[in-house]
Protein backbone atom coordinates (compact mmCIF):
# COMPACT_ATOMS: atom_id res chain seq x y z
CA UNK A 1 0.00 0.00 0.00
CA UNK A 2 1.21 3.53 -0.77
CA UNK A 3 2.49 5.40 2.33
CA UNK A 4 0.47 8.53 1.50
CA UNK A 5 -2.72 6.52 1.12
CA UNK A 6 -2.07 4.75 4.41
CA UNK A 7 -1.50 8.08 6.21
CA UNK A 8 -4.66 9.49 4.63
CA UNK A 9 -6.62 6.43 5.81
CA UNK A 10 -5.28 6.82 9.36
CA UNK A 11 -6.09 10.53 9.30
CA UNK A 12 -9.64 9.87 8.08
CA UNK A 13 -10.14 7.19 10.71
CA UNK A 14 -8.74 9.44 13.45
CA UNK A 15 -10.96 12.37 12.46
CA UNK A 16 -14.02 10.12 12.20
CA UNK A 17 -13.61 8.90 15.79
CA UNK A 18 -12.47 11.86 17.87
CA UNK A 19 -11.39 11.06 21.40
CA UNK A 20 -14.01 11.98 23.96
CA UNK A 21 -13.26 14.71 26.46
CA UNK A 22 -13.39 12.11 29.22
CA UNK A 23 -10.69 10.06 27.49
CA UNK A 24 -8.40 13.09 27.38
CA UNK A 25 -8.81 13.95 31.08
CA UNK A 26 -5.97 13.15 33.42
CA UNK A 27 -7.47 10.90 36.10
CA UNK A 28 -4.96 12.06 38.73
CA UNK A 29 -5.98 15.69 38.18
CA UNK A 30 -9.69 14.86 38.34
CA UNK A 31 -9.19 12.95 41.60
CA UNK A 32 -7.20 15.86 43.04
CA UNK A 33 -9.97 18.34 42.23
CA UNK A 34 -12.70 16.10 43.69
CA UNK A 35 -10.71 15.29 46.84
CA UNK A 36 -10.06 18.99 47.41
CA UNK A 37 -13.77 19.78 46.94
CA UNK A 38 -14.68 17.26 49.64
CA UNK A 39 -11.97 18.64 51.94
CA UNK A 40 -13.24 22.18 51.40
CA UNK A 41 -16.80 21.10 52.23
CA UNK A 42 -15.73 19.37 55.43
CA UNK A 43 -13.56 22.33 56.44
CA UNK A 44 -16.38 24.82 55.86
CA UNK A 45 -18.80 22.62 57.80
CA UNK A 46 -16.32 22.37 60.68
CA UNK A 47 -15.67 26.12 60.69
CA UNK A 48 -19.39 26.92 60.72
CA UNK A 49 -20.04 24.32 63.42
CA UNK A 50 -17.26 25.79 65.59
CA UNK A 51 -18.68 29.28 65.00
CA UNK A 52 -22.16 28.14 66.01
CA UNK A 53 -20.72 26.54 69.16
CA UNK A 54 -18.90 29.77 70.06
CA UNK A 55 -22.06 31.84 69.51
CA UNK A 56 -24.13 29.43 71.59
CA UNK A 57 -21.59 29.26 74.43
CA UNK A 58 -21.12 33.04 74.60
CA UNK A 59 -24.89 33.62 74.56
CA UNK A 60 -25.38 31.07 77.35
CA UNK A 61 -22.48 32.50 79.37
CA UNK A 62 -23.74 36.11 79.11
CA UNK A 63 -27.30 35.09 79.94
CA UNK A 64 -26.11 33.93 83.37
CA UNK A 65 -23.62 36.82 83.89
CA UNK A 66 -25.20 39.90 82.38
CA UNK A 67 -22.52 42.47 83.25
CA UNK A 68 -21.23 45.10 80.84
CA UNK A 69 -17.83 43.39 80.59
CA UNK A 70 -19.29 40.00 79.64
CA UNK A 71 -21.75 41.57 77.21
CA UNK A 72 -18.80 43.31 75.51
CA UNK A 73 -16.87 40.03 75.55
CA UNK A 74 -19.80 38.25 73.87
CA UNK A 75 -20.07 41.10 71.35
CA UNK A 76 -16.41 40.65 70.40
CA UNK A 77 -16.98 36.88 70.03
CA UNK A 78 -20.07 37.42 67.88
CA UNK A 79 -18.45 40.08 65.68
CA UNK A 80 -15.35 37.95 65.16
CA UNK A 81 -17.38 34.82 64.44
CA UNK A 82 -19.64 36.52 61.91
CA UNK A 83 -16.64 38.16 60.24
CA UNK A 84 -14.76 34.86 60.01
CA UNK A 85 -17.81 32.93 58.73
CA UNK A 86 -18.56 35.60 56.14
CA UNK A 87 -14.96 35.60 54.95
CA UNK A 88 -14.87 31.78 54.77
CA UNK A 89 -17.97 31.68 52.58
CA UNK A 90 -16.87 34.62 50.40
CA UNK A 91 -13.32 33.31 49.97
CA UNK A 92 -14.55 29.91 48.73
CA UNK A 93 -17.05 31.39 46.27
CA UNK A 94 -16.30 30.27 42.73
CA UNK A 95 -13.95 27.49 43.81
CA UNK A 96 -16.35 24.59 44.28
CA UNK A 97 -16.30 23.23 40.74
CA UNK A 98 -14.65 23.88 37.39
CA UNK A 99 -16.53 25.78 34.72
CA UNK A 100 -15.63 23.08 32.20
CA UNK A 101 -14.55 19.49 32.39
CA UNK A 102 -11.03 19.73 31.02
CA UNK A 103 -7.48 19.47 32.27
CA UNK A 104 -6.95 23.20 31.81
CA UNK A 105 -10.12 24.04 33.78
CA UNK A 106 -9.13 21.63 36.56
CA UNK A 107 -5.66 23.16 36.77
CA UNK A 108 -7.06 26.70 36.82
CA UNK A 109 -9.56 25.75 39.55
CA UNK A 110 -6.86 24.08 41.63
CA UNK A 111 -4.58 27.12 41.31
CA UNK A 112 -7.46 29.43 42.29
CA UNK A 113 -8.15 27.25 45.35
CA UNK A 114 -4.49 27.45 46.39
CA UNK A 115 -4.41 31.23 46.00
CA UNK A 116 -7.62 31.54 48.04
CA UNK A 117 -6.07 29.32 50.71
CA UNK A 118 -3.05 31.62 50.87
CA UNK A 119 -5.39 34.62 51.18
CA UNK A 120 -7.22 32.88 54.05
CA UNK A 121 -3.91 32.19 55.79
CA UNK A 122 -2.84 35.84 55.53
CA UNK A 123 -6.18 37.05 56.87
CA UNK A 124 -6.06 34.44 59.62
CA UNK A 125 -2.67 35.73 60.75
CA UNK A 126 -3.98 39.32 60.87
CA UNK A 127 -7.14 38.16 62.64
CA UNK A 128 -5.00 36.34 65.21
CA UNK A 129 -2.94 39.50 65.78
CA UNK A 130 -6.11 41.55 66.37
CA UNK A 131 -7.47 38.91 68.74
CA UNK A 132 -4.17 38.87 70.65
CA UNK A 133 -4.32 42.65 71.04
CA UNK A 134 -7.89 42.45 72.34
CA UNK A 135 -7.11 39.64 74.79
CA UNK A 136 -3.91 41.31 76.01
CA UNK A 137 -5.65 44.65 76.52
CA UNK A 138 -8.58 42.97 78.24
CA UNK A 139 -6.43 40.93 80.61
CA UNK A 140 -4.17 43.91 81.34
CA UNK A 141 -7.17 46.13 82.09
CA UNK A 142 -8.62 43.54 84.49
CA UNK A 143 -5.22 43.23 86.16
CA UNK A 144 -4.76 47.02 86.36
CA UNK A 145 -8.09 47.56 88.11
CA UNK A 146 -7.31 44.62 90.40
CA UNK A 147 -10.16 42.48 89.18
CA UNK A 148 -7.70 39.78 88.12
CA UNK A 149 -5.01 38.61 90.58
CA UNK A 150 -1.39 38.25 89.45
CA UNK A 151 -1.36 34.42 89.25
CA UNK A 152 -4.39 34.07 86.97
CA UNK A 153 -3.19 37.08 84.93
CA UNK A 154 0.17 35.44 84.16
CA UNK A 155 -1.48 32.06 83.58
CA UNK A 156 -3.95 33.60 81.11
CA UNK A 157 -1.09 35.46 79.39
CA UNK A 158 1.00 32.27 79.10
CA UNK A 159 -2.00 30.33 77.80
CA UNK A 160 -2.63 33.06 75.22
CA UNK A 161 0.99 32.90 74.06
CA UNK A 162 0.91 29.10 73.79
CA UNK A 163 -2.34 29.14 71.80
CA UNK A 164 -0.98 31.87 69.51
CA UNK A 165 2.16 29.79 68.94
CA UNK A 166 0.05 26.76 68.01
CA UNK A 167 -1.99 28.82 65.56
CA UNK A 168 1.13 30.34 63.99
CA UNK A 169 2.67 26.89 63.56
CA UNK A 170 -0.55 25.64 62.00
CA UNK A 171 -0.67 28.65 59.63
CA UNK A 172 2.95 27.99 58.62
CA UNK A 173 2.18 24.31 57.97
CA UNK A 174 -0.83 25.21 55.79
CA UNK A 175 1.20 27.80 53.91
CA UNK A 176 4.02 25.32 53.15
CA UNK A 177 1.50 22.69 52.04
CA UNK A 178 -0.33 25.15 49.79
CA UNK A 179 2.88 26.43 48.19
CA UNK A 180 3.88 22.79 47.58
CA UNK A 181 0.52 22.18 45.94
CA UNK A 182 1.11 25.17 43.66
CA UNK A 183 4.51 23.74 42.66
CA UNK A 184 2.92 20.36 41.89
CA UNK A 185 0.26 22.06 39.77
CA UNK A 186 3.02 23.78 37.82
CA UNK A 187 4.49 20.33 37.16
CA UNK A 188 1.13 19.20 35.73
CA UNK A 189 1.35 22.07 33.26
CA UNK A 190 4.94 21.25 32.34
CA UNK A 191 4.38 17.48 31.91
CA UNK A 192 3.37 16.23 28.47
CA UNK A 193 0.11 14.32 28.47
CA UNK A 194 0.73 10.59 28.16
CA UNK A 195 -2.81 9.54 27.34
C-alpha atoms as a PDB file:
ATOM      1  CA  UNK A   1       0.000   0.000   0.000  1.00  0.00           C
ATOM      2  CA  UNK A   2       1.211   3.525  -0.768  1.00  0.00           C
ATOM      3  CA  UNK A   3       2.486   5.395   2.329  1.00  0.00           C
ATOM      4  CA  UNK A   4       0.473   8.530   1.496  1.00  0.00           C
ATOM      5  CA  UNK A   5      -2.723   6.518   1.122  1.00  0.00           C
ATOM      6  CA  UNK A   6      -2.074   4.752   4.415  1.00  0.00           C
ATOM      7  CA  UNK A   7      -1.496   8.081   6.212  1.00  0.00           C
ATOM      8  CA  UNK A   8      -4.661   9.485   4.632  1.00  0.00           C
ATOM      9  CA  UNK A   9      -6.621   6.435   5.806  1.00  0.00           C
ATOM     10  CA  UNK A  10      -5.285   6.822   9.361  1.00  0.00           C
ATOM     11  CA  UNK A  11      -6.086  10.532   9.304  1.00  0.00           C
ATOM     12  CA  UNK A  12      -9.637   9.873   8.079  1.00  0.00           C
ATOM     13  CA  UNK A  13     -10.140   7.187  10.710  1.00  0.00           C
ATOM     14  CA  UNK A  14      -8.741   9.437  13.446  1.00  0.00           C
ATOM     15  CA  UNK A  15     -10.965  12.374  12.458  1.00  0.00           C
ATOM     16  CA  UNK A  16     -14.020  10.119  12.199  1.00  0.00           C
ATOM     17  CA  UNK A  17     -13.610   8.905  15.788  1.00  0.00           C
ATOM     18  CA  UNK A  18     -12.467  11.863  17.872  1.00  0.00           C
ATOM     19  CA  UNK A  19     -11.388  11.060  21.400  1.00  0.00           C
ATOM     20  CA  UNK A  20     -14.010  11.981  23.962  1.00  0.00           C
ATOM     21  CA  UNK A  21     -13.257  14.713  26.460  1.00  0.00           C
ATOM     22  CA  UNK A  22     -13.387  12.106  29.223  1.00  0.00           C
ATOM     23  CA  UNK A  23     -10.691  10.056  27.491  1.00  0.00           C
ATOM     24  CA  UNK A  24      -8.395  13.087  27.383  1.00  0.00           C
ATOM     25  CA  UNK A  25      -8.806  13.946  31.077  1.00  0.00           C
ATOM     26  CA  UNK A  26      -5.972  13.148  33.417  1.00  0.00           C
ATOM     27  CA  UNK A  27      -7.466  10.905  36.105  1.00  0.00           C
ATOM     28  CA  UNK A  28      -4.961  12.059  38.731  1.00  0.00           C
ATOM     29  CA  UNK A  29      -5.976  15.686  38.184  1.00  0.00           C
ATOM     30  CA  UNK A  30      -9.687  14.857  38.337  1.00  0.00           C
ATOM     31  CA  UNK A  31      -9.188  12.953  41.596  1.00  0.00           C
ATOM     32  CA  UNK A  32      -7.201  15.858  43.039  1.00  0.00           C
ATOM     33  CA  UNK A  33      -9.974  18.338  42.226  1.00  0.00           C
ATOM     34  CA  UNK A  34     -12.697  16.103  43.691  1.00  0.00           C
ATOM     35  CA  UNK A  35     -10.707  15.290  46.838  1.00  0.00           C
ATOM     36  CA  UNK A  36     -10.061  18.990  47.414  1.00  0.00           C
ATOM     37  CA  UNK A  37     -13.772  19.783  46.942  1.00  0.00           C
ATOM     38  CA  UNK A  38     -14.676  17.257  49.640  1.00  0.00           C
ATOM     39  CA  UNK A  39     -11.970  18.642  51.935  1.00  0.00           C
ATOM     40  CA  UNK A  40     -13.245  22.181  51.397  1.00  0.00           C
ATOM     41  CA  UNK A  41     -16.798  21.098  52.226  1.00  0.00           C
ATOM     42  CA  UNK A  42     -15.730  19.373  55.427  1.00  0.00           C
ATOM     43  CA  UNK A  43     -13.557  22.333  56.438  1.00  0.00           C
ATOM     44  CA  UNK A  44     -16.382  24.822  55.860  1.00  0.00           C
ATOM     45  CA  UNK A  45     -18.799  22.618  57.796  1.00  0.00           C
ATOM     46  CA  UNK A  46     -16.316  22.373  60.682  1.00  0.00           C
ATOM     47  CA  UNK A  47     -15.674  26.120  60.692  1.00  0.00           C
ATOM     48  CA  UNK A  48     -19.394  26.922  60.715  1.00  0.00           C
ATOM     49  CA  UNK A  49     -20.042  24.318  63.418  1.00  0.00           C
ATOM     50  CA  UNK A  50     -17.261  25.794  65.586  1.00  0.00           C
ATOM     51  CA  UNK A  51     -18.681  29.278  64.997  1.00  0.00           C
ATOM     52  CA  UNK A  52     -22.163  28.136  66.014  1.00  0.00           C
ATOM     53  CA  UNK A  53     -20.724  26.544  69.163  1.00  0.00           C
ATOM     54  CA  UNK A  54     -18.903  29.771  70.058  1.00  0.00           C
ATOM     55  CA  UNK A  55     -22.056  31.842  69.513  1.00  0.00           C
ATOM     56  CA  UNK A  56     -24.128  29.431  71.595  1.00  0.00           C
ATOM     57  CA  UNK A  57     -21.587  29.260  74.432  1.00  0.00           C
ATOM     58  CA  UNK A  58     -21.116  33.041  74.598  1.00  0.00           C
ATOM     59  CA  UNK A  59     -24.891  33.622  74.565  1.00  0.00           C
ATOM     60  CA  UNK A  60     -25.376  31.069  77.347  1.00  0.00           C
ATOM     61  CA  UNK A  61     -22.479  32.503  79.366  1.00  0.00           C
ATOM     62  CA  UNK A  62     -23.738  36.108  79.107  1.00  0.00           C
ATOM     63  CA  UNK A  63     -27.297  35.090  79.943  1.00  0.00           C
ATOM     64  CA  UNK A  64     -26.113  33.932  83.370  1.00  0.00           C
ATOM     65  CA  UNK A  65     -23.617  36.824  83.895  1.00  0.00           C
ATOM     66  CA  UNK A  66     -25.199  39.904  82.376  1.00  0.00           C
ATOM     67  CA  UNK A  67     -22.522  42.472  83.251  1.00  0.00           C
ATOM     68  CA  UNK A  68     -21.226  45.100  80.839  1.00  0.00           C
ATOM     69  CA  UNK A  69     -17.825  43.390  80.592  1.00  0.00           C
ATOM     70  CA  UNK A  70     -19.286  40.001  79.638  1.00  0.00           C
ATOM     71  CA  UNK A  71     -21.750  41.568  77.212  1.00  0.00           C
ATOM     72  CA  UNK A  72     -18.797  43.307  75.507  1.00  0.00           C
ATOM     73  CA  UNK A  73     -16.873  40.030  75.553  1.00  0.00           C
ATOM     74  CA  UNK A  74     -19.797  38.248  73.868  1.00  0.00           C
ATOM     75  CA  UNK A  75     -20.069  41.102  71.352  1.00  0.00           C
ATOM     76  CA  UNK A  76     -16.409  40.648  70.396  1.00  0.00           C
ATOM     77  CA  UNK A  77     -16.981  36.880  70.029  1.00  0.00           C
ATOM     78  CA  UNK A  78     -20.072  37.424  67.883  1.00  0.00           C
ATOM     79  CA  UNK A  79     -18.449  40.080  65.677  1.00  0.00           C
ATOM     80  CA  UNK A  80     -15.349  37.948  65.160  1.00  0.00           C
ATOM     81  CA  UNK A  81     -17.385  34.820  64.444  1.00  0.00           C
ATOM     82  CA  UNK A  82     -19.644  36.524  61.911  1.00  0.00           C
ATOM     83  CA  UNK A  83     -16.642  38.162  60.238  1.00  0.00           C
ATOM     84  CA  UNK A  84     -14.759  34.858  60.015  1.00  0.00           C
ATOM     85  CA  UNK A  85     -17.806  32.929  58.725  1.00  0.00           C
ATOM     86  CA  UNK A  86     -18.563  35.598  56.138  1.00  0.00           C
ATOM     87  CA  UNK A  87     -14.964  35.598  54.948  1.00  0.00           C
ATOM     88  CA  UNK A  88     -14.866  31.781  54.770  1.00  0.00           C
ATOM     89  CA  UNK A  89     -17.966  31.682  52.578  1.00  0.00           C
ATOM     90  CA  UNK A  90     -16.866  34.625  50.399  1.00  0.00           C
ATOM     91  CA  UNK A  91     -13.317  33.308  49.970  1.00  0.00           C
ATOM     92  CA  UNK A  92     -14.547  29.912  48.734  1.00  0.00           C
ATOM     93  CA  UNK A  93     -17.048  31.388  46.269  1.00  0.00           C
ATOM     94  CA  UNK A  94     -16.299  30.271  42.732  1.00  0.00           C
ATOM     95  CA  UNK A  95     -13.946  27.486  43.810  1.00  0.00           C
ATOM     96  CA  UNK A  96     -16.349  24.590  44.276  1.00  0.00           C
ATOM     97  CA  UNK A  97     -16.297  23.234  40.740  1.00  0.00           C
ATOM     98  CA  UNK A  98     -14.652  23.880  37.395  1.00  0.00           C
ATOM     99  CA  UNK A  99     -16.535  25.784  34.718  1.00  0.00           C
ATOM    100  CA  UNK A 100     -15.628  23.081  32.204  1.00  0.00           C
ATOM    101  CA  UNK A 101     -14.551  19.485  32.387  1.00  0.00           C
ATOM    102  CA  UNK A 102     -11.028  19.728  31.022  1.00  0.00           C
ATOM    103  CA  UNK A 103      -7.483  19.467  32.266  1.00  0.00           C
ATOM    104  CA  UNK A 104      -6.951  23.205  31.805  1.00  0.00           C
ATOM    105  CA  UNK A 105     -10.124  24.037  33.776  1.00  0.00           C
ATOM    106  CA  UNK A 106      -9.134  21.632  36.557  1.00  0.00           C
ATOM    107  CA  UNK A 107      -5.663  23.159  36.767  1.00  0.00           C
ATOM    108  CA  UNK A 108      -7.058  26.695  36.820  1.00  0.00           C
ATOM    109  CA  UNK A 109      -9.565  25.754  39.555  1.00  0.00           C
ATOM    110  CA  UNK A 110      -6.859  24.078  41.627  1.00  0.00           C
ATOM    111  CA  UNK A 111      -4.582  27.120  41.314  1.00  0.00           C
ATOM    112  CA  UNK A 112      -7.457  29.427  42.289  1.00  0.00           C
ATOM    113  CA  UNK A 113      -8.145  27.250  45.350  1.00  0.00           C
ATOM    114  CA  UNK A 114      -4.488  27.449  46.393  1.00  0.00           C
ATOM    115  CA  UNK A 115      -4.414  31.226  45.995  1.00  0.00           C
ATOM    116  CA  UNK A 116      -7.615  31.542  48.035  1.00  0.00           C
ATOM    117  CA  UNK A 117      -6.074  29.319  50.707  1.00  0.00           C
ATOM    118  CA  UNK A 118      -3.049  31.622  50.868  1.00  0.00           C
ATOM    119  CA  UNK A 119      -5.391  34.615  51.183  1.00  0.00           C
ATOM    120  CA  UNK A 120      -7.221  32.880  54.048  1.00  0.00           C
ATOM    121  CA  UNK A 121      -3.909  32.191  55.788  1.00  0.00           C
ATOM    122  CA  UNK A 122      -2.838  35.840  55.534  1.00  0.00           C
ATOM    123  CA  UNK A 123      -6.175  37.051  56.866  1.00  0.00           C
ATOM    124  CA  UNK A 124      -6.057  34.436  59.620  1.00  0.00           C
ATOM    125  CA  UNK A 125      -2.670  35.733  60.750  1.00  0.00           C
ATOM    126  CA  UNK A 126      -3.976  39.317  60.872  1.00  0.00           C
ATOM    127  CA  UNK A 127      -7.139  38.157  62.644  1.00  0.00           C
ATOM    128  CA  UNK A 128      -4.996  36.336  65.207  1.00  0.00           C
ATOM    129  CA  UNK A 129      -2.942  39.501  65.784  1.00  0.00           C
ATOM    130  CA  UNK A 130      -6.106  41.548  66.370  1.00  0.00           C
ATOM    131  CA  UNK A 131      -7.468  38.913  68.740  1.00  0.00           C
ATOM    132  CA  UNK A 132      -4.173  38.873  70.650  1.00  0.00           C
ATOM    133  CA  UNK A 133      -4.316  42.651  71.036  1.00  0.00           C
ATOM    134  CA  UNK A 134      -7.891  42.448  72.338  1.00  0.00           C
ATOM    135  CA  UNK A 135      -7.107  39.641  74.792  1.00  0.00           C
ATOM    136  CA  UNK A 136      -3.905  41.313  76.008  1.00  0.00           C
ATOM    137  CA  UNK A 137      -5.653  44.652  76.518  1.00  0.00           C
ATOM    138  CA  UNK A 138      -8.580  42.972  78.245  1.00  0.00           C
ATOM    139  CA  UNK A 139      -6.432  40.934  80.614  1.00  0.00           C
ATOM    140  CA  UNK A 140      -4.174  43.908  81.343  1.00  0.00           C
ATOM    141  CA  UNK A 141      -7.171  46.129  82.090  1.00  0.00           C
ATOM    142  CA  UNK A 142      -8.620  43.542  84.491  1.00  0.00           C
ATOM    143  CA  UNK A 143      -5.221  43.227  86.163  1.00  0.00           C
ATOM    144  CA  UNK A 144      -4.758  47.023  86.362  1.00  0.00           C
ATOM    145  CA  UNK A 145      -8.093  47.556  88.110  1.00  0.00           C
ATOM    146  CA  UNK A 146      -7.312  44.621  90.397  1.00  0.00           C
ATOM    147  CA  UNK A 147     -10.164  42.476  89.180  1.00  0.00           C
ATOM    148  CA  UNK A 148      -7.700  39.776  88.116  1.00  0.00           C
ATOM    149  CA  UNK A 149      -5.013  38.609  90.582  1.00  0.00           C
ATOM    150  CA  UNK A 150      -1.395  38.249  89.447  1.00  0.00           C
ATOM    151  CA  UNK A 151      -1.362  34.420  89.251  1.00  0.00           C
ATOM    152  CA  UNK A 152      -4.390  34.069  86.967  1.00  0.00           C
ATOM    153  CA  UNK A 153      -3.186  37.079  84.933  1.00  0.00           C
ATOM    154  CA  UNK A 154       0.172  35.440  84.160  1.00  0.00           C
ATOM    155  CA  UNK A 155      -1.476  32.058  83.584  1.00  0.00           C
ATOM    156  CA  UNK A 156      -3.945  33.595  81.109  1.00  0.00           C
ATOM    157  CA  UNK A 157      -1.086  35.456  79.395  1.00  0.00           C
ATOM    158  CA  UNK A 158       0.995  32.271  79.103  1.00  0.00           C
ATOM    159  CA  UNK A 159      -1.995  30.326  77.797  1.00  0.00           C
ATOM    160  CA  UNK A 160      -2.630  33.063  75.218  1.00  0.00           C
ATOM    161  CA  UNK A 161       0.993  32.902  74.056  1.00  0.00           C
ATOM    162  CA  UNK A 162       0.910  29.096  73.785  1.00  0.00           C
ATOM    163  CA  UNK A 163      -2.339  29.141  71.799  1.00  0.00           C
ATOM    164  CA  UNK A 164      -0.984  31.874  69.510  1.00  0.00           C
ATOM    165  CA  UNK A 165       2.162  29.790  68.938  1.00  0.00           C
ATOM    166  CA  UNK A 166       0.054  26.761  68.010  1.00  0.00           C
ATOM    167  CA  UNK A 167      -1.994  28.824  65.563  1.00  0.00           C
ATOM    168  CA  UNK A 168       1.133  30.342  63.990  1.00  0.00           C
ATOM    169  CA  UNK A 169       2.674  26.890  63.563  1.00  0.00           C
ATOM    170  CA  UNK A 170      -0.551  25.643  62.001  1.00  0.00           C
ATOM    171  CA  UNK A 171      -0.670  28.653  59.633  1.00  0.00           C
ATOM    172  CA  UNK A 172       2.945  27.992  58.616  1.00  0.00           C
ATOM    173  CA  UNK A 173       2.184  24.310  57.969  1.00  0.00           C
ATOM    174  CA  UNK A 174      -0.833  25.211  55.792  1.00  0.00           C
ATOM    175  CA  UNK A 175       1.204  27.803  53.905  1.00  0.00           C
ATOM    176  CA  UNK A 176       4.021  25.321  53.152  1.00  0.00           C
ATOM    177  CA  UNK A 177       1.504  22.687  52.043  1.00  0.00           C
ATOM    178  CA  UNK A 178      -0.328  25.145  49.786  1.00  0.00           C
ATOM    179  CA  UNK A 179       2.880  26.427  48.193  1.00  0.00           C
ATOM    180  CA  UNK A 180       3.882  22.794  47.585  1.00  0.00           C
ATOM    181  CA  UNK A 181       0.515  22.182  45.941  1.00  0.00           C
ATOM    182  CA  UNK A 182       1.114  25.166  43.662  1.00  0.00           C
ATOM    183  CA  UNK A 183       4.508  23.742  42.659  1.00  0.00           C
ATOM    184  CA  UNK A 184       2.923  20.355  41.893  1.00  0.00           C
ATOM    185  CA  UNK A 185       0.264  22.063  39.773  1.00  0.00           C
ATOM    186  CA  UNK A 186       3.023  23.779  37.816  1.00  0.00           C
ATOM    187  CA  UNK A 187       4.490  20.325  37.164  1.00  0.00           C
ATOM    188  CA  UNK A 188       1.128  19.196  35.731  1.00  0.00           C
ATOM    189  CA  UNK A 189       1.350  22.070  33.255  1.00  0.00           C
ATOM    190  CA  UNK A 190       4.944  21.245  32.336  1.00  0.00           C
ATOM    191  CA  UNK A 191       4.380  17.482  31.909  1.00  0.00           C
ATOM    192  CA  UNK A 192       3.367  16.230  28.465  1.00  0.00           C
ATOM    193  CA  UNK A 193       0.115  14.320  28.472  1.00  0.00           C
ATOM    194  CA  UNK A 194       0.730  10.588  28.164  1.00  0.00           C
ATOM    195  CA  UNK A 195      -2.808   9.545  27.341  1.00  0.00           C
END
